[in-house]
């Protein structure tokens, strides 16, 4: 698969020199470096579940007016 990357010149020069010293193609050296980086990267965190909605005992759902009133009261 082809991909275009914009890399800093100094970094690209280091990778090219590394590839030459290891007698590898540039693309193979870049792939090896990415693989090595992924192998040492921390595992991604599992997505967190959203919190359960708050249920008010003994009453029905809040009205929009009650919600807005609570929001404005908190900011005063």
PDB file of N, CA and C in Angstrom:
ATOM      1  N   UNK A   1       0.841  -1.170   0.000  1.00  0.00           N
ATOM      2  CA  UNK A   1       0.000   0.000   0.000  1.00  0.00           C
ATOM      3  C   UNK A   1       0.891   1.239   0.000  1.00  0.00           C
ATOM      4  N   UNK A   2       0.490   2.233  -0.719  1.00  0.00           N
ATOM      5  CA  UNK A   2       1.259   3.471  -0.786  1.00  0.00           C
ATOM      6  C   UNK A   2       0.678   4.495   0.155  1.00  0.00           C
ATOM      7  N   UNK A   3       1.577   5.314   0.698  1.00  0.00           N
ATOM      8  CA  UNK A   3       1.169   6.401   1.584  1.00  0.00           C
ATOM      9  C   UNK A   3       2.186   7.521   1.433  1.00  0.00           C
ATOM     10  N   UNK A   4       1.731   8.742   1.576  1.00  0.00           N
ATOM     11  CA  UNK A   4       2.627   9.891   1.521  1.00  0.00           C
ATOM     12  C   UNK A   4       2.775  10.448   2.924  1.00  0.00           C
ATOM     13  N   UNK A   5       4.023  10.641   3.344  1.00  0.00           N
ATOM     14  CA  UNK A   5       4.308  11.191   4.661  1.00  0.00           C
ATOM     15  C   UNK A   5       5.161  12.439   4.522  1.00  0.00           C
ATOM     16  N   UNK A   6       4.892  13.420   5.339  1.00  0.00           N
ATOM     17  CA  UNK A   6       5.752  14.597   5.424  1.00  0.00           C
ATOM     18  C   UNK A   6       6.583  14.446   6.684  1.00  0.00           C
ATOM     19  N   UNK A   7       7.852  14.134   6.525  1.00  0.00           N
ATOM     20  CA  UNK A   7       8.755  13.947   7.653  1.00  0.00           C
ATOM     21  C   UNK A   7       9.761  15.082   7.701  1.00  0.00           C
ATOM     22  N   UNK A   8      10.207  15.427   8.902  1.00  0.00           N
ATOM     23  CA  UNK A   8      11.268  16.427   8.999  1.00  0.00           C
ATOM     24  C   UNK A   8      12.521  15.925   8.271  1.00  0.00           C
ATOM     25  N   UNK A   9      13.228  16.830   7.608  1.00  0.00           N
ATOM     26  CA  UNK A   9      14.396  16.473   6.803  1.00  0.00           C
ATOM     27  C   UNK A   9      15.429  15.719   7.639  1.00  0.00           C
ATOM     28  N   UNK A  10      15.718  16.208   8.838  1.00  0.00           N
ATOM     29  CA  UNK A  10      16.732  15.567   9.685  1.00  0.00           C
ATOM     30  C   UNK A  10      16.338  14.128  10.029  1.00  0.00           C
ATOM     31  N   UNK A  11      15.073  13.902  10.307  1.00  0.00           N
ATOM     32  CA  UNK A  11      14.609  12.554  10.628  1.00  0.00           C
ATOM     33  C   UNK A  11      14.745  11.639   9.422  1.00  0.00           C
ATOM     34  N   UNK A  12      14.340  12.117   8.264  1.00  0.00           N
ATOM     35  CA  UNK A  12      14.445  11.314   7.053  1.00  0.00           C
ATOM     36  C   UNK A  12      15.900  10.966   6.744  1.00  0.00           C
ATOM     37  N   UNK A  13      16.793  11.913   6.943  1.00  0.00           N
ATOM     38  CA  UNK A  13      18.223  11.633   6.713  1.00  0.00           C
ATOM     39  C   UNK A  13      18.727  10.552   7.664  1.00  0.00           C
ATOM     40  N   UNK A  14      18.307  10.591   8.922  1.00  0.00           N
ATOM     41  CA  UNK A  14      18.713   9.554   9.888  1.00  0.00           C
ATOM     42  C   UNK A  14      18.190   8.182   9.480  1.00  0.00           C
ATOM     43  N   UNK A  15      16.941   8.146   9.001  1.00  0.00           N
ATOM     44  CA  UNK A  15      16.364   6.863   8.582  1.00  0.00           C
ATOM     45  C   UNK A  15      17.076   6.344   7.336  1.00  0.00           C
ATOM     46  N   UNK A  16      17.387   7.230   6.407  1.00  0.00           N
ATOM     47  CA  UNK A  16      18.108   6.808   5.198  1.00  0.00           C
ATOM     48  C   UNK A  16      19.469   6.233   5.552  1.00  0.00           C
ATOM     49  N   UNK A  17      20.213   6.919   6.425  1.00  0.00           N
ATOM     50  CA  UNK A  17      21.529   6.414   6.836  1.00  0.00           C
ATOM     51  C   UNK A  17      21.404   5.060   7.530  1.00  0.00           C
ATOM     52  N   UNK A  18      20.412   4.933   8.357  1.00  0.00           N
ATOM     53  CA  UNK A  18      20.181   3.669   9.053  1.00  0.00           C
ATOM     54  C   UNK A  18      19.896   2.552   8.050  1.00  0.00           C
ATOM     55  N   UNK A  19      19.080   2.852   7.034  1.00  0.00           N
ATOM     56  CA  UNK A  19      18.755   1.858   6.010  1.00  0.00           C
ATOM     57  C   UNK A  19      20.008   1.447   5.232  1.00  0.00           C
ATOM     58  N   UNK A  20      20.844   2.418   4.886  1.00  0.00           N
ATOM     59  CA  UNK A  20      22.082   2.117   4.149  1.00  0.00           C
ATOM     60  C   UNK A  20      23.002   1.239   4.986  1.00  0.00           C
ATOM     61  N   UNK A  21      23.154   1.561   6.252  1.00  0.00           N
ATOM     62  CA  UNK A  21      24.044   0.784   7.128  1.00  0.00           C
ATOM     63  C   UNK A  21      23.535  -0.637   7.330  1.00  0.00           C
ATOM     64  N   UNK A  22      22.221  -0.812   7.276  1.00  0.00           N
ATOM     65  CA  UNK A  22      21.636  -2.143   7.456  1.00  0.00           C
ATOM     66  C   UNK A  22      21.374  -2.842   6.123  1.00  0.00           C
ATOM     67  N   UNK A  23      21.754  -2.177   5.046  1.00  0.00           N
ATOM     68  CA  UNK A  23      21.572  -2.711   3.686  1.00  0.00           C
ATOM     69  C   UNK A  23      20.111  -3.078   3.421  1.00  0.00           C
ATOM     70  N   UNK A  24      19.254  -2.139   3.750  1.00  0.00           N
ATOM     71  CA  UNK A  24      17.811  -2.300   3.537  1.00  0.00           C
ATOM     72  C   UNK A  24      17.310  -1.190   2.633  1.00  0.00           C
ATOM     73  N   UNK A  25      16.156  -1.452   2.034  1.00  0.00           N
ATOM     74  CA  UNK A  25      15.470  -0.400   1.295  1.00  0.00           C
ATOM     75  C   UNK A  25      14.860   0.561   2.307  1.00  0.00           C
ATOM     76  N   UNK A  26      14.719   1.810   1.898  1.00  0.00           N
ATOM     77  CA  UNK A  26      14.158   2.825   2.778  1.00  0.00           C
ATOM     78  C   UNK A  26      12.779   2.407   3.280  1.00  0.00           C
ATOM     79  N   UNK A  27      11.929   1.912   2.393  1.00  0.00           N
ATOM     80  CA  UNK A  27      10.572   1.525   2.799  1.00  0.00           C
ATOM     81  C   UNK A  27      10.597   0.393   3.812  1.00  0.00           C
ATOM     82  N   UNK A  28      11.547  -0.535   3.667  1.00  0.00           N
ATOM     83  CA  UNK A  28      11.646  -1.640   4.621  1.00  0.00           C
ATOM     84  C   UNK A  28      12.123  -1.148   5.982  1.00  0.00           C
ATOM     85  N   UNK A  29      13.037  -0.189   5.997  1.00  0.00           N
ATOM     86  CA  UNK A  29      13.525   0.363   7.257  1.00  0.00           C
ATOM     87  C   UNK A  29      12.419   1.140   7.968  1.00  0.00           C
ATOM     88  N   UNK A  30      11.661   1.916   7.221  1.00  0.00           N
ATOM     89  CA  UNK A  30      10.548   2.660   7.821  1.00  0.00           C
ATOM     90  C   UNK A  30       9.531   1.689   8.395  1.00  0.00           C
ATOM     91  N   UNK A  31       9.205   0.629   7.667  1.00  0.00           N
ATOM     92  CA  UNK A  31       8.253  -0.367   8.164  1.00  0.00           C
ATOM     93  C   UNK A  31       8.771  -1.025   9.441  1.00  0.00           C
ATOM     94  N   UNK A  32      10.059  -1.344   9.481  1.00  0.00           N
ATOM     95  CA  UNK A  32      10.649  -1.971  10.667  1.00  0.00           C
ATOM     96  C   UNK A  32      10.599  -1.026  11.864  1.00  0.00           C
ATOM     97  N   UNK A  33      10.878   0.247  11.641  1.00  0.00           N
ATOM     98  CA  UNK A  33      10.825   1.222  12.730  1.00  0.00           C
ATOM     99  C   UNK A  33       9.403   1.412  13.257  1.00  0.00           C
ATOM    100  N   UNK A  34       8.443   1.417  12.367  1.00  0.00           N
ATOM    101  CA  UNK A  34       7.047   1.542  12.799  1.00  0.00           C
ATOM    102  C   UNK A  34       6.630   0.312  13.592  1.00  0.00           C
ATOM    103  N   UNK A  35       6.995  -0.870  13.105  1.00  0.00           N
ATOM    104  CA  UNK A  35       6.681  -2.112  13.825  1.00  0.00           C
ATOM    105  C   UNK A  35       7.295  -2.101  15.224  1.00  0.00           C
ATOM    106  N   UNK A  36       8.555  -1.682  15.318  1.00  0.00           N
ATOM    107  CA  UNK A  36       9.234  -1.639  16.618  1.00  0.00           C
ATOM    108  C   UNK A  36       8.537  -0.645  17.552  1.00  0.00           C
ATOM    109  N   UNK A  37       8.137   0.483  17.018  1.00  0.00           N
ATOM    110  CA  UNK A  37       7.429   1.475  17.830  1.00  0.00           C
ATOM    111  C   UNK A  37       6.097   0.952  18.321  1.00  0.00           C
ATOM    112  N   UNK A  38       5.363   0.262  17.466  1.00  0.00           N
ATOM    113  CA  UNK A  38       4.074  -0.291  17.872  1.00  0.00           C
ATOM    114  C   UNK A  38       4.235  -1.392  18.913  1.00  0.00           C
ATOM    115  N   UNK A  39       5.310  -2.162  18.801  1.00  0.00           N
ATOM    116  CA  UNK A  39       5.553  -3.245  19.754  1.00  0.00           C
ATOM    117  C   UNK A  39       5.815  -2.704  21.156  1.00  0.00           C
ATOM    118  N   UNK A  40       6.365  -1.504  21.252  1.00  0.00           N
ATOM    119  CA  UNK A  40       6.688  -0.924  22.550  1.00  0.00           C
ATOM    120  C   UNK A  40       5.657   0.101  23.029  1.00  0.00           C
ATOM    121  N   UNK A  41       4.666   0.365  22.218  1.00  0.00           N
ATOM    122  CA  UNK A  41       3.638   1.339  22.585  1.00  0.00           C
ATOM    123  C   UNK A  41       2.688   0.719  23.608  1.00  0.00           C
ATOM    124  N   UNK A  42       2.180   1.521  24.535  1.00  0.00           N
ATOM    125  CA  UNK A  42       1.214   0.981  25.492  1.00  0.00           C
ATOM    126  C   UNK A  42      -0.064   0.551  24.775  1.00  0.00           C
ATOM    127  N   UNK A  43      -0.688  -0.464  25.318  1.00  0.00           N
ATOM    128  CA  UNK A  43      -1.937  -0.954  24.724  1.00  0.00           C
ATOM    129  C   UNK A  43      -3.003   0.124  24.852  1.00  0.00           C
ATOM    130  N   UNK A  44      -3.837   0.251  23.838  1.00  0.00           N
ATOM    131  CA  UNK A  44      -4.891   1.266  23.925  1.00  0.00           C
ATOM    132  C   UNK A  44      -5.870   0.916  25.038  1.00  0.00           C
ATOM    133  N   UNK A  45      -6.376   1.955  25.694  1.00  0.00           N
ATOM    134  CA  UNK A  45      -7.355   1.742  26.757  1.00  0.00           C
ATOM    135  C   UNK A  45      -8.687   1.332  26.144  1.00  0.00           C
ATOM    136  N   UNK A  46      -9.363   0.445  26.847  1.00  0.00           N
ATOM    137  CA  UNK A  46     -10.700   0.056  26.400  1.00  0.00           C
ATOM    138  C   UNK A  46     -11.615   1.272  26.535  1.00  0.00           C
ATOM    139  N   UNK A  47     -12.514   1.452  25.582  1.00  0.00           N
ATOM    140  CA  UNK A  47     -13.411   2.600  25.688  1.00  0.00           C
ATOM    141  C   UNK A  47     -14.256   2.498  26.959  1.00  0.00           C
ATOM    142  N   UNK A  48     -14.398   3.607  27.621  1.00  0.00           N
ATOM    143  CA  UNK A  48     -15.180   3.627  28.850  1.00  0.00           C
ATOM    144  C   UNK A  48     -16.668   3.669  28.530  1.00  0.00           C
ATOM    145  N   UNK A  49     -17.414   2.985  29.361  1.00  0.00           N
ATOM    146  CA  UNK A  49     -18.863   3.006  29.190  1.00  0.00           C
ATOM    147  C   UNK A  49     -19.389   4.330  29.732  1.00  0.00           C
ATOM    148  N   UNK A  50     -20.384   4.890  29.071  1.00  0.00           N
ATOM    149  CA  UNK A  50     -20.943   6.138  29.597  1.00  0.00           C
ATOM    150  C   UNK A  50     -21.650   5.854  30.918  1.00  0.00           C
ATOM    151  N   UNK A  51     -21.681   6.824  31.815  1.00  0.00           N
ATOM    152  CA  UNK A  51     -22.352   6.588  33.093  1.00  0.00           C
ATOM    153  C   UNK A  51     -23.842   6.364  32.902  1.00  0.00           C
ATOM    154  N   UNK A  52     -24.408   5.600  33.813  1.00  0.00           N
ATOM    155  CA  UNK A  52     -25.844   5.358  33.746  1.00  0.00           C
ATOM    156  C   UNK A  52     -26.569   6.655  34.106  1.00  0.00           C
ATOM    157  N   UNK A  53     -27.716   6.884  33.504  1.00  0.00           N
ATOM    158  CA  UNK A  53     -28.452   8.111  33.818  1.00  0.00           C
ATOM    159  C   UNK A  53     -28.921   8.103  35.269  1.00  0.00           C
ATOM    160  N   UNK A  54     -28.986   9.278  35.833  1.00  0.00           N
ATOM    161  CA  UNK A  54     -29.466   9.420  37.210  1.00  0.00           C
ATOM    162  C   UNK A  54     -30.977   9.264  37.198  1.00  0.00           C
ATOM    163  N   UNK A  55     -31.455   8.440  38.103  1.00  0.00           N
ATOM    164  CA  UNK A  55     -32.909   8.262  38.221  1.00  0.00           C
ATOM    165  C   UNK A  55     -33.361   8.874  39.544  1.00  0.00           C
ATOM    166  N   UNK A  56     -34.397   9.645  39.455  1.00  0.00           N
ATOM    167  CA  UNK A  56     -34.946  10.273  40.651  1.00  0.00           C
ATOM    168  C   UNK A  56     -36.063   9.394  41.187  1.00  0.00           C
ATOM    169  N   UNK A  57     -35.963   9.020  42.457  1.00  0.00           N
ATOM    170  CA  UNK A  57     -36.971   8.154  43.062  1.00  0.00           C
ATOM    171  C   UNK A  57     -38.230   8.953  43.393  1.00  0.00           C
ATOM    172  N   UNK A  58     -39.329   8.349  43.106  1.00  0.00           N
ATOM    173  CA  UNK A  58     -40.598   8.944  43.507  1.00  0.00           C
ATOM    174  C   UNK A  58     -41.088  10.088  42.641  1.00  0.00           C
ATOM    175  N   UNK A  59     -40.483  10.277  41.481  1.00  0.00           N
ATOM    176  CA  UNK A  59     -40.992  11.331  40.607  1.00  0.00           C
ATOM    177  C   UNK A  59     -40.680  10.997  39.159  1.00  0.00           C
ATOM    178  N   UNK A  60     -41.375  11.620  38.277  1.00  0.00           N
ATOM    179  CA  UNK A  60     -41.192  11.384  36.856  1.00  0.00           C
ATOM    180  C   UNK A  60     -39.989  12.135  36.322  1.00  0.00           C
ATOM    181  N   UNK A  61     -39.812  12.102  35.009  1.00  0.00           N
ATOM    182  CA  UNK A  61     -38.673  12.795  34.397  1.00  0.00           C
ATOM    183  C   UNK A  61     -38.756  14.302  34.621  1.00  0.00           C
ATOM    184  N   UNK A  62     -37.606  14.951  34.633  1.00  0.00           N
ATOM    185  CA  UNK A  62     -37.548  16.399  34.780  1.00  0.00           C
ATOM    186  C   UNK A  62     -38.051  17.070  33.513  1.00  0.00           C
ATOM    187  N   UNK A  63     -38.661  18.222  33.689  1.00  0.00           N
ATOM    188  CA  UNK A  63     -39.088  18.997  32.528  1.00  0.00           C
ATOM    189  C   UNK A  63     -37.916  19.839  32.048  1.00  0.00           C
ATOM    190  N   UNK A  64     -37.998  20.315  30.847  1.00  0.00           N
ATOM    191  CA  UNK A  64     -36.959  21.169  30.285  1.00  0.00           C
ATOM    192  C   UNK A  64     -36.799  22.431  31.135  1.00  0.00           C
ATOM    193  N   UNK A  65     -37.910  22.990  31.623  1.00  0.00           N
ATOM    194  CA  UNK A  65     -37.865  24.193  32.456  1.00  0.00           C
ATOM    195  C   UNK A  65     -37.095  23.917  33.752  1.00  0.00           C
ATOM    196  N   UNK A  66     -37.302  22.747  34.369  1.00  0.00           N
ATOM    197  CA  UNK A  66     -36.596  22.394  35.604  1.00  0.00           C
ATOM    198  C   UNK A  66     -35.097  22.228  35.357  1.00  0.00           C
ATOM    199  N   UNK A  67     -34.770  21.625  34.236  1.00  0.00           N
ATOM    200  CA  UNK A  67     -33.353  21.433  33.890  1.00  0.00           C
ATOM    201  C   UNK A  67     -32.679  22.780  33.676  1.00  0.00           C
ATOM    202  N   UNK A  68     -33.308  23.653  32.880  1.00  0.00           N
ATOM    203  CA  UNK A  68     -32.734  24.974  32.624  1.00  0.00           C
ATOM    204  C   UNK A  68     -32.617  25.786  33.902  1.00  0.00           C
ATOM    205  N   UNK A  69     -33.590  25.678  34.777  1.00  0.00           N
ATOM    206  CA  UNK A  69     -33.553  26.405  36.044  1.00  0.00           C
ATOM    207  C   UNK A  69     -32.383  25.922  36.899  1.00  0.00           C
ATOM    208  N   UNK A  70     -32.147  24.612  36.931  1.00  0.00           N
ATOM    209  CA  UNK A  70     -31.034  24.060  37.705  1.00  0.00           C
ATOM    210  C   UNK A  70     -29.696  24.506  37.123  1.00  0.00           C
ATOM    211  N   UNK A  71     -29.596  24.571  35.814  1.00  0.00           N
ATOM    212  CA  UNK A  71     -28.348  25.007  35.158  1.00  0.00           C
ATOM    213  C   UNK A  71     -28.065  26.461  35.503  1.00  0.00           C
ATOM    214  N   UNK A  72     -29.077  27.310  35.411  1.00  0.00           N
ATOM    215  CA  UNK A  72     -28.884  28.738  35.678  1.00  0.00           C
ATOM    216  C   UNK A  72     -28.617  28.981  37.153  1.00  0.00           C
ATOM    217  N   UNK A  73     -29.226  28.220  38.036  1.00  0.00           N
ATOM    218  CA  UNK A  73     -29.010  28.390  39.471  1.00  0.00           C
ATOM    219  C   UNK A  73     -27.578  28.023  39.836  1.00  0.00           C
ATOM    220  N   UNK A  74     -26.996  27.055  39.130  1.00  0.00           N
ATOM    221  CA  UNK A  74     -25.629  26.613  39.406  1.00  0.00           C
ATOM    222  C   UNK A  74     -24.601  27.652  38.968  1.00  0.00           C
ATOM    223  N   UNK A  75     -24.942  28.488  37.988  1.00  0.00           N
ATOM    224  CA  UNK A  75     -24.003  29.491  37.465  1.00  0.00           C
ATOM    225  C   UNK A  75     -24.097  30.834  38.182  1.00  0.00           C
ATOM    226  N   UNK A  76     -25.010  30.948  39.108  1.00  0.00           N
ATOM    227  CA  UNK A  76     -25.180  32.235  39.804  1.00  0.00           C
ATOM    228  C   UNK A  76     -24.398  32.266  41.075  1.00  0.00           C
TER     229      UNK A  76
END
